[in-house]
């Protein structure tokens, strides 16, 4: 069986942990002036990938 290639975009976005797959929040790149300080602060914290998306992410990063 040949090796499966990792999808490089997914490898840069996700980290596999014991509790699931960790991801960063979106909406932090531009147009930040209209967003509240509280909203931007909360977007700094990473969150876990939703359980419905875990199977797709694991296919994209098979050896992580």
N, C-alpha and C. Protein backbone atom coordinates (compact mmCIF):
# COMPACT_ATOMS: atom_id res chain seq x y z
N UNK A 1 0.85 -1.19 0.00
CA UNK A 1 0.00 0.00 0.00
C UNK A 1 0.89 1.25 0.00
N UNK A 2 0.64 2.19 -0.91
CA UNK A 2 1.44 3.41 -0.88
C UNK A 2 1.02 4.32 0.28
N UNK A 3 1.93 5.21 0.62
CA UNK A 3 1.62 6.17 1.68
C UNK A 3 0.55 7.14 1.21
N UNK A 4 -0.21 7.69 2.16
CA UNK A 4 -1.22 8.70 1.84
C UNK A 4 -0.59 10.06 2.07
N UNK A 5 -0.76 10.96 1.11
CA UNK A 5 -0.19 12.29 1.26
C UNK A 5 -1.06 13.13 2.19
N UNK A 6 -0.40 13.91 3.03
CA UNK A 6 -1.09 14.84 3.92
C UNK A 6 -1.48 16.08 3.12
N UNK A 7 -2.69 16.57 3.32
CA UNK A 7 -3.12 17.82 2.71
C UNK A 7 -2.43 18.95 3.47
N UNK A 8 -1.49 19.65 2.85
CA UNK A 8 -0.63 20.59 3.56
C UNK A 8 -1.40 21.76 4.15
N UNK A 9 -2.48 22.19 3.51
CA UNK A 9 -3.28 23.28 4.06
C UNK A 9 -3.92 22.88 5.37
N UNK A 10 -4.35 21.63 5.47
CA UNK A 10 -4.97 21.14 6.70
C UNK A 10 -3.92 20.96 7.79
N UNK A 11 -2.72 20.53 7.42
CA UNK A 11 -1.66 20.32 8.40
C UNK A 11 -1.27 21.64 9.07
N UNK A 12 -1.39 22.74 8.34
CA UNK A 12 -1.05 24.05 8.89
C UNK A 12 -2.18 24.61 9.75
N UNK A 13 -3.40 24.16 9.53
CA UNK A 13 -4.54 24.72 10.25
C UNK A 13 -4.93 23.94 11.50
N UNK A 14 -4.69 22.65 11.53
CA UNK A 14 -5.17 21.80 12.62
C UNK A 14 -4.04 21.16 13.39
N UNK A 15 -4.26 20.92 14.69
CA UNK A 15 -3.33 20.17 15.53
C UNK A 15 -4.13 19.08 16.22
N UNK A 16 -3.65 17.84 16.14
CA UNK A 16 -4.33 16.73 16.78
C UNK A 16 -3.87 16.65 18.23
N UNK A 17 -4.82 16.66 19.17
CA UNK A 17 -4.53 16.57 20.59
C UNK A 17 -5.28 15.38 21.16
N UNK A 18 -5.07 15.12 22.44
CA UNK A 18 -5.75 13.99 23.09
C UNK A 18 -7.26 14.23 23.16
N UNK A 19 -7.67 15.48 23.26
CA UNK A 19 -9.10 15.79 23.39
C UNK A 19 -9.82 15.96 22.08
N UNK A 20 -9.10 15.93 20.97
CA UNK A 20 -9.73 16.13 19.67
C UNK A 20 -8.79 16.86 18.73
N UNK A 21 -9.35 17.64 17.82
CA UNK A 21 -8.54 18.40 16.88
C UNK A 21 -8.71 19.88 17.18
N UNK A 22 -7.58 20.55 17.42
CA UNK A 22 -7.59 21.96 17.79
C UNK A 22 -7.49 22.81 16.54
N UNK A 23 -8.20 23.95 16.54
CA UNK A 23 -8.16 24.88 15.41
C UNK A 23 -8.16 26.30 15.94
N UNK A 24 -7.75 27.24 15.10
CA UNK A 24 -7.80 28.65 15.47
C UNK A 24 -9.12 29.25 15.02
N UNK A 25 -9.51 30.34 15.66
CA UNK A 25 -10.76 31.03 15.32
C UNK A 25 -10.55 31.85 14.05
N UNK A 26 -11.63 32.07 13.32
CA UNK A 26 -11.58 32.91 12.13
C UNK A 26 -12.01 34.34 12.48
N UNK A 27 -12.04 35.23 11.50
CA UNK A 27 -12.47 36.63 11.63
C UNK A 27 -11.49 37.48 12.41
N UNK A 28 -10.20 37.18 12.34
CA UNK A 28 -9.21 37.98 13.07
C UNK A 28 -8.20 38.63 12.12
N UNK A 29 -8.43 38.61 10.82
CA UNK A 29 -7.41 39.05 9.86
C UNK A 29 -7.52 40.52 9.47
N UNK A 30 -8.71 41.00 9.21
CA UNK A 30 -8.87 42.39 8.76
C UNK A 30 -10.24 42.89 9.18
N UNK A 31 -10.48 44.18 8.92
CA UNK A 31 -11.72 44.87 9.35
C UNK A 31 -11.90 44.69 10.86
N UNK A 32 -10.85 45.00 11.61
CA UNK A 32 -10.89 44.81 13.05
C UNK A 32 -11.42 46.02 13.81
N UNK A 33 -11.54 47.17 13.14
CA UNK A 33 -11.95 48.39 13.84
C UNK A 33 -13.40 48.33 14.29
N UNK A 34 -14.25 47.67 13.53
CA UNK A 34 -15.66 47.61 13.91
C UNK A 34 -15.96 46.50 14.93
N UNK A 35 -15.00 45.62 15.16
CA UNK A 35 -15.21 44.53 16.12
C UNK A 35 -14.81 45.00 17.51
N UNK A 36 -15.57 44.58 18.50
CA UNK A 36 -15.30 45.01 19.87
C UNK A 36 -14.02 44.35 20.40
N UNK A 37 -13.44 44.99 21.40
CA UNK A 37 -12.22 44.45 22.01
C UNK A 37 -12.49 43.08 22.63
N UNK A 38 -13.65 42.93 23.25
CA UNK A 38 -14.01 41.65 23.86
C UNK A 38 -14.10 40.56 22.81
N UNK A 39 -14.71 40.88 21.69
CA UNK A 39 -14.86 39.89 20.62
C UNK A 39 -13.50 39.47 20.06
N UNK A 40 -12.62 40.45 19.85
CA UNK A 40 -11.28 40.14 19.32
C UNK A 40 -10.47 39.33 20.34
N UNK A 41 -10.62 39.65 21.61
CA UNK A 41 -9.89 38.92 22.65
C UNK A 41 -10.34 37.46 22.70
N UNK A 42 -11.64 37.24 22.59
CA UNK A 42 -12.16 35.87 22.63
C UNK A 42 -11.77 35.07 21.38
N UNK A 43 -11.56 35.77 20.27
CA UNK A 43 -11.16 35.08 19.04
C UNK A 43 -9.70 34.63 19.08
N UNK A 44 -8.91 35.15 20.02
CA UNK A 44 -7.52 34.72 20.14
C UNK A 44 -7.42 33.26 20.59
N UNK A 45 -8.33 32.84 21.42
CA UNK A 45 -8.26 31.50 22.01
C UNK A 45 -8.58 30.44 20.96
N UNK A 46 -7.79 29.36 20.91
CA UNK A 46 -8.12 28.27 19.99
C UNK A 46 -9.34 27.51 20.47
N UNK A 47 -10.00 26.82 19.56
CA UNK A 47 -11.14 26.00 19.95
C UNK A 47 -11.01 24.63 19.30
N UNK A 48 -11.88 23.74 19.68
CA UNK A 48 -11.83 22.38 19.15
C UNK A 48 -12.72 22.29 17.92
N UNK A 49 -12.33 21.44 17.00
CA UNK A 49 -13.10 21.20 15.80
C UNK A 49 -14.40 20.50 16.17
N UNK A 50 -15.49 20.86 15.50
CA UNK A 50 -16.79 20.24 15.78
C UNK A 50 -16.74 18.75 15.45
N UNK A 51 -17.47 17.97 16.22
CA UNK A 51 -17.41 16.51 16.06
C UNK A 51 -17.84 16.05 14.66
N UNK A 52 -18.70 16.83 14.00
CA UNK A 52 -19.13 16.45 12.65
C UNK A 52 -18.02 16.63 11.60
N UNK A 53 -17.00 17.45 11.92
CA UNK A 53 -15.93 17.72 10.97
C UNK A 53 -14.66 16.91 11.25
N UNK A 54 -14.63 16.18 12.35
CA UNK A 54 -13.42 15.48 12.76
C UNK A 54 -13.02 14.40 11.75
N UNK A 55 -13.97 13.65 11.24
CA UNK A 55 -13.65 12.56 10.29
C UNK A 55 -13.01 13.11 9.02
N UNK A 56 -13.51 14.22 8.51
CA UNK A 56 -12.95 14.82 7.30
C UNK A 56 -11.54 15.33 7.56
N UNK A 57 -11.31 15.92 8.73
CA UNK A 57 -9.98 16.45 9.06
C UNK A 57 -8.99 15.30 9.24
N UNK A 58 -9.42 14.20 9.83
CA UNK A 58 -8.51 13.06 10.01
C UNK A 58 -8.11 12.44 8.68
N UNK A 59 -8.99 12.47 7.69
CA UNK A 59 -8.64 11.99 6.35
C UNK A 59 -7.59 12.90 5.71
N UNK A 60 -7.67 14.20 6.01
CA UNK A 60 -6.73 15.15 5.41
C UNK A 60 -5.35 15.08 6.06
N UNK A 61 -5.30 14.72 7.36
CA UNK A 61 -4.01 14.61 8.06
C UNK A 61 -3.89 13.20 8.65
N UNK A 62 -3.61 12.21 7.81
CA UNK A 62 -3.67 10.82 8.25
C UNK A 62 -2.61 10.41 9.26
N UNK A 63 -1.43 11.04 9.25
CA UNK A 63 -0.35 10.58 10.13
C UNK A 63 -0.14 11.49 11.33
N UNK A 64 -1.05 12.43 11.58
CA UNK A 64 -0.90 13.35 12.71
C UNK A 64 -1.45 12.74 13.98
